[in-house]
Amino acid sequence: MMTGLTVASTVTWPHSLWAAVTPQGPELPELAGSEKADVIVVGGGFTGLSTALHLREAGVDVAIVEAAEPGWGASGRNNGQVIPTLSRPDPEDIIARHGAVGERFVHLLRDSASTLFDVARRYGIEAEQEQAGWVQPVHSPGRIKIAERRVRQWSRFGAPVELLSREQVRDMLGSDAWHGGFWNRTGGHINPLALARGLARSVLGLGARVYARSPAVSFERRNDRWVVKTEKGEISGGALVMATNAYSGEFSKQLVPDIAHEVMPVLSWQMATQPLSDNVRKTIIAGRQAMSDTHGELYFARYDARNRLVTGGAVIGPGNKAERLKARVTERLQRLWPQIGEVGFDYVWNGYVGMTSDFLPRIHKLGPNAYGWTGCNGRAVALTIPLGDQLAKAVRGAPDSELALPFTNPVPIPVHGLMRKLAPLMLLVYRRRDAREI
C-alpha cells in the first residue's frame, strides 16, 4: 500500500529518505471561500510548480491548488534520477507518432536535464543536485543493440551521448555485471523533494499563490472562466492546467476520469542504504553517475549527498513487502557489487508512477485555454521542468506550431479497475523477458 494518501488538516509524509533529510517546505494556506486568478494550476508537483514559475516570470497571475503539499506525490517520492530520454521510445519512435511536433518534443527531451539544473541554479535551489551524467548499462550481450540504437538516434539530434564498451562500464560502475551501455553526460540526480520545496519557495517569491491540503474535486466552465472546486472553496481563472499525472484519480474519481483512466498508476518502491564507507563508495559508481539499466525489472542506483546508495525494486504478492524487498535487493546489490559487504536499509518507501501502454506521455487540450497531461513512465523528473515552460506558453496564447506539445485526445484503458489490479503481475512477464537473450 502507498502510505499517507488521506489528507486532513495535516499531511502524512512517507518514511522516505527525502522526507527525513529535507528542510520543511513553506507554510501554506488551504483554499477557502472564493478566489480568482488568471491561471489555475491543479497539482503542486514538478509540472505544476514549473508551470507557475514560468508564468510568474512572464508576469501572469497564477494560483496552484494542491491536494496535499508540494512534492507529496510522485515528485517527492521518486529516485531523483535526472534522465533526458523517455523510458523506451527513442527519437524516431516519437517523430513517427507525432511528426513535426514530435521533433520539437525530441529537442525538449534532449535539453530537459540541463533545463532542470539551470532552473535550480538560477533560483539558488539547494537540492543536492549533481549533474554527473546518466548511464544505461545493458544486462545481456544482445541488448547492446538498445544502446547502439539510442546513441545513433540521439547523436543525430546533438545530444552528448556515447556508446560504452563492457570495459568502460565496468570501470564506471565497478561491476562486471553489464555488457556495455549508453551514456548521456547531461543527466544526473537530485533530492526530488528538496527540488519541489525549492520550486515552491521560488514560486511564492515571485508572487504566486499556493493552496495546500485542498484536493480539487471538480472543475467546470462557467461564464467563460474555469472554476475549480475543493471541499472548502473554489477558484476561478481564465486558463487551467491540470498537472496531476499518476495521482489524477486518487483524491477525486470525478475530477478528470478520462485522464485518470488512460494511465496505469504502478506502485514503485524506493530504498536507501546506510551510508557506505569511503573505501567502498570509491569502488561503486565512483563518478557518482545516475544508473538505470535495461532490465524490465529495473536495476537502478545513485548516491545521495550522504553516500547512501538510493535504489529500489518491485515486489508482488501478499506479506511484508518492505522486508521481502529488502532481502531481494540486498541479494541483488551483493551480486552486482560483492565488495559492498553487509547491506542495511534505513529507509523504504513507495509511490505511484504513471505508466501508459506505449510508454509515451499524454498531453491534452481539455477545453478553451485548458490543458492537462499524464504518463511520466518513470521519466518525469527531467521532463516536467521544460514541460511546465511549454504549458505556460500555451496558456499565454502561443500557437501550436511553436510548442513542443504533442496533443492527443484521452483514450481511457478499457476495464481500467481490473487492469489496475492485474498490472503488478506484469513483473512476472518482465522477469521472464529479462532472462532471455534478444
Protein backbone atom coordinates (compact mmCIF):
# COMPACT_ATOMS: atom_id res chain seq x y z
CA MET A 1 0.00 0.00 0.00
CA MET A 2 1.07 3.56 -0.64
CA THR A 3 1.38 5.38 2.66
CA GLY A 4 -0.20 8.65 3.60
CA LEU A 5 -2.98 9.00 0.99
CA THR A 6 -5.61 10.53 3.27
CA VAL A 7 -5.20 14.29 3.52
CA ALA A 8 -6.63 16.08 6.54
CA SER A 9 -5.54 19.27 8.29
CA THR A 10 -2.03 17.83 8.39
CA VAL A 11 -0.25 15.75 5.78
CA THR A 12 1.34 12.37 6.50
CA TRP A 13 4.62 12.03 4.65
CA PRO A 14 6.08 8.66 3.64
CA HIS A 15 9.01 7.28 5.62
CA SER A 16 11.38 8.27 2.86
CA LEU A 17 14.99 9.38 2.85
CA TRP A 18 13.91 12.63 1.23
CA ALA A 19 11.31 13.44 3.89
CA ALA A 20 13.87 12.71 6.60
CA VAL A 21 16.69 14.93 5.32
CA THR A 22 14.90 17.80 3.55
CA PRO A 23 14.10 21.08 5.33
CA GLN A 24 10.39 21.72 5.75
CA GLY A 25 8.57 23.44 2.94
CA PRO A 26 6.84 26.82 3.25
CA GLU A 27 3.69 27.13 5.36
CA LEU A 28 0.75 27.30 3.01
CA PRO A 29 -2.96 28.08 3.42
CA GLU A 30 -5.87 25.93 2.37
CA LEU A 31 -8.22 27.16 -0.32
CA ALA A 32 -11.30 28.51 1.46
CA GLY A 33 -14.05 30.70 0.12
CA SER A 34 -13.99 32.13 -3.40
CA GLU A 35 -10.76 33.20 -5.13
CA LYS A 36 -9.68 34.31 -8.59
CA ALA A 37 -6.52 34.05 -10.69
CA ASP A 38 -5.53 34.48 -14.31
CA VAL A 39 -4.39 30.85 -14.42
CA ILE A 40 -5.28 27.94 -12.13
CA VAL A 41 -2.80 25.07 -11.84
CA VAL A 42 -4.11 21.88 -10.23
CA GLY A 43 -1.23 19.91 -8.74
CA GLY A 44 1.84 21.08 -6.82
CA GLY A 45 4.37 18.64 -8.20
CA PHE A 46 7.17 19.39 -10.63
CA THR A 47 4.89 20.14 -13.59
CA GLY A 48 2.56 22.45 -11.68
CA LEU A 49 5.39 24.27 -9.94
CA SER A 50 7.35 24.70 -13.17
CA THR A 51 4.25 25.97 -14.98
CA ALA A 52 3.61 28.51 -12.23
CA LEU A 53 7.27 29.55 -12.15
CA HIS A 54 7.36 30.29 -15.87
CA LEU A 55 4.00 32.09 -15.75
CA ARG A 56 5.20 34.34 -12.96
CA GLU A 57 8.40 35.07 -14.87
CA ALA A 58 6.08 36.43 -17.57
CA GLY A 59 4.07 38.43 -15.03
CA VAL A 60 0.94 36.25 -15.14
CA ASP A 61 -1.19 35.90 -12.00
CA VAL A 62 -1.27 32.19 -11.13
CA ALA A 63 -2.51 30.05 -8.26
CA ILE A 64 -1.69 26.40 -7.53
CA VAL A 65 -4.28 24.14 -5.91
CA GLU A 66 -2.51 21.17 -4.32
CA ALA A 67 -4.21 18.17 -2.73
CA ALA A 68 -1.55 17.67 -0.04
CA GLU A 69 1.72 19.65 -0.01
CA PRO A 70 4.18 20.46 -2.81
CA GLY A 71 6.21 17.34 -3.52
CA TRP A 72 3.97 15.00 -1.54
CA GLY A 73 3.16 12.83 -4.55
CA ALA A 74 5.45 11.33 -7.15
CA SER A 75 7.60 14.46 -7.37
CA GLY A 76 8.88 13.97 -3.82
CA ARG A 77 8.91 10.15 -3.70
CA ASN A 78 10.94 9.16 -6.76
CA ASN A 79 14.57 8.07 -7.01
CA GLY A 80 15.69 11.51 -8.15
CA GLN A 81 17.41 10.41 -11.35
CA VAL A 82 17.51 13.20 -13.95
CA ILE A 83 17.25 11.35 -17.27
CA PRO A 84 16.94 13.23 -20.59
CA THR A 85 15.15 10.46 -22.53
CA LEU A 86 11.89 8.55 -22.40
CA SER A 87 11.99 5.08 -20.89
CA ARG A 88 11.53 3.18 -24.16
CA PRO A 89 10.58 5.31 -27.20
CA ASP A 90 13.54 6.88 -28.96
CA PRO A 91 13.52 9.94 -31.26
CA GLU A 92 12.45 8.04 -34.36
CA ASP A 93 9.51 6.50 -32.48
CA ILE A 94 8.39 9.89 -31.20
CA ILE A 95 8.63 11.56 -34.61
CA ALA A 96 6.89 8.65 -36.34
CA ARG A 97 3.99 9.10 -33.94
CA HIS A 98 3.78 12.90 -33.82
CA GLY A 99 5.58 14.33 -36.85
CA ALA A 100 6.93 17.90 -36.65
CA VAL A 101 5.70 18.48 -33.10
CA GLY A 102 7.32 15.18 -32.18
CA GLU A 103 10.63 16.53 -33.42
CA ARG A 104 10.20 19.63 -31.26
CA PHE A 105 9.41 17.34 -28.33
CA VAL A 106 12.63 15.40 -29.01
CA HIS A 107 14.61 18.64 -28.72
CA LEU A 108 12.82 19.40 -25.44
CA LEU A 109 13.79 15.95 -24.14
CA ARG A 110 17.38 16.35 -25.31
CA ASP A 111 17.79 19.50 -23.22
CA SER A 112 15.50 18.51 -20.34
CA ALA A 113 18.17 17.56 -17.79
CA SER A 114 20.19 20.70 -18.39
CA THR A 115 17.00 22.74 -18.17
CA LEU A 116 16.33 21.35 -14.70
CA PHE A 117 19.85 22.03 -13.44
CA ASP A 118 19.77 25.53 -14.97
CA VAL A 119 16.48 26.37 -13.20
CA ALA A 120 17.90 25.15 -9.88
CA ARG A 121 20.99 27.31 -10.34
CA ARG A 122 19.01 30.36 -11.43
CA TYR A 123 16.85 30.29 -8.31
CA GLY A 124 19.52 29.14 -5.89
CA ILE A 125 17.65 25.93 -5.08
CA GLU A 126 19.70 23.57 -2.91
CA ALA A 127 18.56 20.11 -3.91
CA GLU A 128 21.76 18.04 -3.60
CA GLN A 129 21.92 18.26 -7.39
CA GLU A 130 24.80 16.54 -9.18
CA GLN A 131 24.98 16.72 -12.98
CA ALA A 132 27.28 13.71 -13.07
CA GLY A 133 25.60 12.09 -16.08
CA TRP A 134 23.26 9.16 -16.59
CA VAL A 135 24.33 5.72 -17.76
CA GLN A 136 22.10 2.88 -19.00
CA PRO A 137 24.16 -0.33 -18.91
CA VAL A 138 22.86 -3.34 -20.84
CA HIS A 139 22.36 -6.57 -18.95
CA SER A 140 22.88 -9.09 -21.75
CA PRO A 141 25.13 -9.12 -24.84
CA GLY A 142 22.24 -8.94 -27.30
CA ARG A 143 20.83 -5.83 -25.70
CA ILE A 144 23.83 -3.78 -26.68
CA LYS A 145 21.63 -3.11 -29.73
CA ILE A 146 19.49 -0.93 -27.47
CA ALA A 147 22.47 1.24 -26.57
CA GLU A 148 23.66 1.36 -30.18
CA ARG A 149 20.24 2.48 -31.37
CA ARG A 150 19.98 5.17 -28.72
CA VAL A 151 23.44 6.54 -29.41
CA ARG A 152 22.75 6.63 -33.14
CA GLN A 153 19.39 8.35 -32.83
CA TRP A 154 20.24 10.83 -30.08
CA SER A 155 23.53 11.75 -31.75
CA ARG A 156 21.54 12.81 -34.78
CA PHE A 157 19.82 15.42 -32.58
CA GLY A 158 23.00 16.71 -30.99
CA ALA A 159 22.76 15.00 -27.60
CA PRO A 160 26.11 14.43 -25.82
CA VAL A 161 25.83 10.64 -25.85
CA GLU A 162 28.37 7.88 -26.09
CA LEU A 163 28.40 4.12 -26.58
CA LEU A 164 30.30 2.41 -23.77
CA SER A 165 32.16 -0.87 -24.03
CA ARG A 166 31.91 -3.56 -21.39
CA GLU A 167 35.26 -2.44 -20.01
CA GLN A 168 34.19 1.19 -19.82
CA VAL A 169 31.01 0.28 -17.96
CA ARG A 170 32.99 -1.92 -15.59
CA ASP A 171 35.35 0.96 -14.84
CA MET A 172 32.47 3.44 -14.46
CA LEU A 173 30.20 1.30 -12.28
CA GLY A 174 32.67 -1.00 -10.56
CA SER A 175 30.94 -4.20 -11.67
CA ASP A 176 31.31 -6.89 -14.34
CA ALA A 177 27.55 -7.46 -14.42
CA TRP A 178 26.88 -5.48 -17.59
CA HIS A 179 27.93 -5.75 -21.25
CA GLY A 180 28.35 -2.13 -22.33
CA GLY A 181 25.92 0.75 -22.27
CA PHE A 182 24.56 4.15 -23.20
CA TRP A 183 25.97 7.30 -21.59
CA ASN A 184 24.48 10.81 -21.53
CA ARG A 185 26.61 13.46 -19.86
CA THR A 186 23.79 15.93 -19.20
CA GLY A 187 21.91 13.66 -16.79
CA GLY A 188 22.44 13.25 -13.07
CA HIS A 189 20.44 13.17 -9.87
CA ILE A 190 18.82 15.36 -7.23
CA ASN A 191 16.94 15.22 -3.95
CA PRO A 192 13.49 15.45 -5.57
CA LEU A 193 11.61 16.64 -2.50
CA ALA A 194 14.17 19.41 -1.97
CA LEU A 195 13.68 20.44 -5.60
CA ALA A 196 9.89 20.52 -5.18
CA ARG A 197 10.08 22.57 -1.99
CA GLY A 198 12.69 24.87 -3.53
CA LEU A 199 10.47 25.44 -6.54
CA ALA A 200 7.54 26.18 -4.22
CA ARG A 201 9.57 28.82 -2.39
CA SER A 202 10.66 30.32 -5.71
CA VAL A 203 7.09 30.43 -6.99
CA LEU A 204 5.93 32.15 -3.81
CA GLY A 205 8.84 34.57 -4.00
CA LEU A 206 7.69 35.60 -7.46
CA GLY A 207 4.21 36.36 -6.16
CA ALA A 208 2.23 33.23 -6.99
CA ARG A 209 -0.26 31.70 -4.59
CA VAL A 210 -0.10 28.06 -3.50
CA TYR A 211 -3.05 26.48 -1.71
CA ALA A 212 -2.24 23.21 0.09
CA ARG A 213 -4.33 20.43 1.66
CA SER A 214 -7.05 21.36 -0.84
CA PRO A 215 -7.88 18.42 -3.12
CA ALA A 216 -9.70 19.55 -6.24
CA VAL A 217 -12.95 17.61 -6.55
CA SER A 218 -14.29 19.01 -9.83
CA PHE A 219 -13.92 21.73 -12.43
CA GLU A 220 -16.31 23.32 -14.89
CA ARG A 221 -16.61 26.07 -17.46
CA ARG A 222 -18.74 28.94 -16.13
CA ASN A 223 -19.22 32.37 -17.75
CA ASP A 224 -16.12 31.94 -19.96
CA ARG A 225 -13.96 31.07 -16.96
CA TRP A 226 -12.75 27.84 -15.42
CA VAL A 227 -13.92 27.11 -11.89
CA VAL A 228 -12.12 24.55 -9.74
CA LYS A 229 -13.93 23.37 -6.63
CA THR A 230 -12.47 21.96 -3.43
CA GLU A 231 -14.28 20.85 -0.27
CA LYS A 232 -13.87 24.27 1.33
CA GLY A 233 -13.80 26.68 -1.58
CA GLU A 234 -13.47 27.39 -5.25
CA ILE A 235 -11.22 29.39 -7.54
CA SER A 236 -11.93 30.74 -11.00
CA GLY A 237 -9.47 31.59 -13.74
CA GLY A 238 -9.21 32.39 -17.40
CA ALA A 239 -6.97 29.36 -18.01
CA LEU A 240 -6.43 25.97 -16.42
CA VAL A 241 -3.55 23.48 -16.25
CA MET A 242 -4.25 20.02 -14.86
CA ALA A 243 -0.89 18.73 -13.57
CA THR A 244 -1.92 15.69 -11.54
CA ASN A 245 -0.24 12.87 -13.54
CA ALA A 246 -0.33 9.48 -11.78
CA TYR A 247 -2.47 10.88 -8.95
CA SER A 248 -5.24 12.17 -11.24
CA GLY A 249 -7.83 9.79 -9.81
CA GLU A 250 -6.55 9.34 -6.27
CA PHE A 251 -8.39 12.16 -4.49
CA SER A 252 -11.49 12.55 -6.67
CA LYS A 253 -12.76 9.96 -9.13
CA GLN A 254 -14.80 12.68 -10.85
CA LEU A 255 -12.02 15.21 -11.44
CA VAL A 256 -10.58 14.02 -14.77
CA PRO A 257 -11.78 10.42 -15.23
CA ASP A 258 -10.69 10.13 -18.86
CA ILE A 259 -7.14 11.18 -17.98
CA ALA A 260 -7.05 9.11 -14.80
CA HIS A 261 -8.15 6.03 -16.77
CA GLU A 262 -5.63 6.35 -19.60
CA VAL A 263 -2.71 5.91 -17.25
CA MET A 264 -1.87 2.97 -15.00
CA PRO A 265 -0.64 4.04 -11.54
CA VAL A 266 2.03 1.47 -10.70
CA LEU A 267 3.48 1.29 -7.21
CA SER A 268 7.22 1.93 -7.28
CA TRP A 269 9.42 1.10 -4.28
CA GLN A 270 12.48 3.14 -3.35
CA MET A 271 15.02 2.42 -0.65
CA ALA A 272 18.20 3.92 0.77
CA THR A 273 21.10 2.02 2.29
CA GLN A 274 23.08 3.11 5.28
CA PRO A 275 25.95 5.41 4.22
CA LEU A 276 28.74 3.49 2.52
CA SER A 277 32.30 3.87 3.73
CA ASP A 278 34.60 6.00 1.59
CA ASN A 279 36.67 2.97 0.61
CA VAL A 280 33.64 1.04 -0.66
CA ARG A 281 31.98 4.06 -2.24
CA LYS A 282 35.03 4.73 -4.40
CA THR A 283 34.66 1.27 -5.95
CA ILE A 284 30.93 1.50 -6.72
CA ILE A 285 29.83 4.12 -9.28
CA ALA A 286 32.95 6.09 -8.47
CA GLY A 287 31.91 9.05 -10.64
CA ARG A 288 28.53 9.28 -8.85
CA GLN A 289 26.51 8.95 -12.05
CA ALA A 290 22.84 8.03 -12.05
CA MET A 291 22.37 4.47 -13.31
CA SER A 292 19.35 2.52 -14.53
CA ASP A 293 19.77 -0.47 -16.79
CA THR A 294 17.87 -2.42 -19.46
CA HIS A 295 16.06 -4.90 -17.20
CA GLY A 296 12.27 -4.72 -17.33
CA GLU A 297 12.51 -5.33 -13.59
CA LEU A 298 14.76 -2.33 -13.42
CA TYR A 299 18.12 -2.27 -11.67
CA PHE A 300 18.88 1.32 -10.67
CA ALA A 301 21.04 3.21 -8.21
CA ARG A 302 22.58 6.58 -7.39
CA TYR A 303 24.15 8.22 -4.35
CA ASP A 304 22.65 10.88 -2.14
CA ALA A 305 24.73 13.61 -0.52
CA ARG A 306 25.48 11.38 2.48
CA ASN A 307 26.80 8.49 0.36
CA ARG A 308 23.73 6.37 0.79
CA LEU A 309 23.06 4.20 -2.24
CA VAL A 310 19.50 5.02 -3.28
CA THR A 311 17.97 2.15 -5.19
CA GLY A 312 14.73 0.19 -5.24
CA GLY A 313 12.78 -2.63 -6.77
CA ALA A 314 9.44 -4.28 -7.31
CA VAL A 315 7.53 -6.93 -5.41
CA ILE A 316 4.20 -8.67 -5.81
CA GLY A 317 2.05 -10.92 -3.68
CA PRO A 318 0.98 -10.83 -0.02
CA GLY A 319 3.14 -10.50 3.05
CA ASN A 320 5.51 -7.86 4.36
CA LYS A 321 6.54 -6.33 1.05
CA ALA A 322 9.13 -3.98 2.53
CA GLU A 323 11.00 -6.80 4.28
CA ARG A 324 10.75 -9.07 1.26
CA LEU A 325 12.08 -6.29 -0.91
CA LYS A 326 14.99 -5.63 1.44
CA ALA A 327 16.06 -9.27 1.11
CA ARG A 328 15.70 -9.29 -2.67
CA VAL A 329 17.54 -6.02 -3.25
CA THR A 330 20.27 -6.95 -0.76
CA GLU A 331 20.95 -10.09 -2.79
CA ARG A 332 20.98 -8.03 -5.98
CA LEU A 333 23.42 -5.42 -4.66
CA GLN A 334 25.79 -8.07 -3.32
CA ARG A 335 25.66 -9.89 -6.66
CA LEU A 336 26.36 -6.71 -8.64
CA TRP A 337 28.97 -5.38 -6.20
CA PRO A 338 30.41 -8.12 -3.96
CA GLN A 339 32.67 -5.52 -2.34
CA ILE A 340 29.66 -3.83 -0.75
CA GLY A 341 29.61 -6.36 2.10
CA GLU A 342 26.72 -6.23 4.56
CA VAL A 343 23.79 -4.11 3.37
CA GLY A 344 21.41 -2.30 5.68
CA PHE A 345 18.46 -0.17 4.62
CA ASP A 346 17.42 2.81 6.73
CA TYR A 347 14.50 3.90 4.51
CA VAL A 348 11.99 2.06 2.34
CA TRP A 349 9.06 3.90 0.76
CA ASN A 350 6.81 3.88 -2.28
CA GLY A 351 4.65 5.97 -4.57
CA TYR A 352 2.87 5.83 -7.90
CA VAL A 353 4.41 6.04 -11.35
CA GLY A 354 2.02 6.84 -14.19
CA MET A 355 2.51 4.27 -16.98
CA THR A 356 0.97 4.28 -20.46
CA SER A 357 0.61 1.36 -22.85
CA ASP A 358 3.15 2.73 -25.36
CA PHE A 359 5.41 4.48 -22.80
CA LEU A 360 4.65 7.87 -24.36
CA PRO A 361 3.27 10.79 -22.32
CA ARG A 362 -0.27 12.02 -22.97
CA ILE A 363 -0.75 15.78 -23.38
CA HIS A 364 -4.27 17.14 -23.88
CA LYS A 365 -6.40 20.16 -24.59
CA LEU A 366 -9.25 20.00 -22.08
CA GLY A 367 -11.21 22.96 -23.46
CA PRO A 368 -10.69 26.65 -24.20
CA ASN A 369 -7.26 27.52 -22.74
CA ALA A 370 -7.20 24.41 -20.59
CA TYR A 371 -4.52 21.73 -20.69
CA GLY A 372 -3.53 18.56 -18.90
CA TRP A 373 -1.07 15.71 -19.12
CA THR A 374 -0.25 12.33 -17.64
CA GLY A 375 2.03 9.36 -18.26
CA CYS A 376 5.51 10.10 -16.96
CA ASN A 377 6.59 6.46 -17.42
CA GLY A 378 9.36 6.95 -14.89
CA ARG A 379 10.95 9.94 -16.65
CA ALA A 380 9.13 12.88 -15.07
CA VAL A 381 12.00 14.46 -13.13
CA ALA A 382 13.77 15.93 -16.16
CA LEU A 383 10.73 16.09 -18.44
CA THR A 384 8.40 18.09 -16.21
CA ILE A 385 10.52 21.23 -15.85
CA PRO A 386 10.59 22.15 -19.57
CA LEU A 387 7.09 20.75 -19.95
CA GLY A 388 5.88 23.33 -17.41
CA ASP A 389 7.51 26.04 -19.52
CA GLN A 390 5.66 24.80 -22.60
CA LEU A 391 2.32 24.67 -20.77
CA ALA A 392 2.91 28.22 -19.53
CA LYS A 393 3.48 29.33 -23.12
CA ALA A 394 0.33 27.50 -24.22
CA VAL A 395 -1.95 29.29 -21.75
CA ARG A 396 -0.36 32.60 -22.75
CA GLY A 397 -1.51 32.01 -26.32
CA ALA A 398 1.50 30.57 -28.15
CA PRO A 399 0.37 28.81 -31.35
CA ASP A 400 0.60 25.04 -31.50
CA SER A 401 3.20 25.33 -34.25
CA GLU A 402 5.63 26.89 -31.75
CA LEU A 403 5.01 24.40 -28.94
CA ALA A 404 6.76 21.11 -28.22
CA LEU A 405 3.46 19.63 -27.02
CA PRO A 406 2.20 16.62 -28.99
CA PHE A 407 -1.51 16.93 -28.21
CA THR A 408 -3.76 13.86 -28.32
CA ASN A 409 -7.26 13.02 -27.16
CA PRO A 410 -7.63 11.00 -23.95
CA VAL A 411 -8.03 7.27 -24.61
CA PRO A 412 -9.05 5.50 -21.39
CA ILE A 413 -7.83 1.96 -20.82
CA PRO A 414 -10.78 -0.48 -21.04
CA VAL A 415 -11.80 -2.08 -17.72
CA HIS A 416 -9.27 0.16 -16.00
CA GLY A 417 -10.11 -1.03 -12.49
CA LEU A 418 -9.48 -4.67 -13.37
CA MET A 419 -6.33 -3.88 -15.31
CA ARG A 420 -5.01 -1.89 -12.37
CA LYS A 421 -5.38 -4.93 -10.14
CA LEU A 422 -3.63 -7.13 -12.70
CA ALA A 423 -0.84 -4.67 -13.53
CA PRO A 424 1.55 -5.88 -10.78
CA LEU A 425 1.58 -9.30 -12.45
CA MET A 426 3.49 -7.75 -15.36
CA LEU A 427 6.52 -8.12 -13.11
CA LEU A 428 6.44 -11.86 -13.86
CA VAL A 429 6.46 -11.10 -17.58
CA TYR A 430 9.38 -8.71 -17.18
CA ARG A 431 11.38 -11.27 -15.21
CA ARG A 432 10.85 -13.87 -17.92
CA ARG A 433 11.90 -11.43 -20.65
CA ASP A 434 14.91 -10.29 -18.64
CA ALA A 435 16.18 -13.86 -18.50
CA ARG A 436 16.06 -14.22 -22.30
CA GLU A 437 18.57 -13.02 -24.86
CA ILE A 438 17.32 -10.85 -27.72
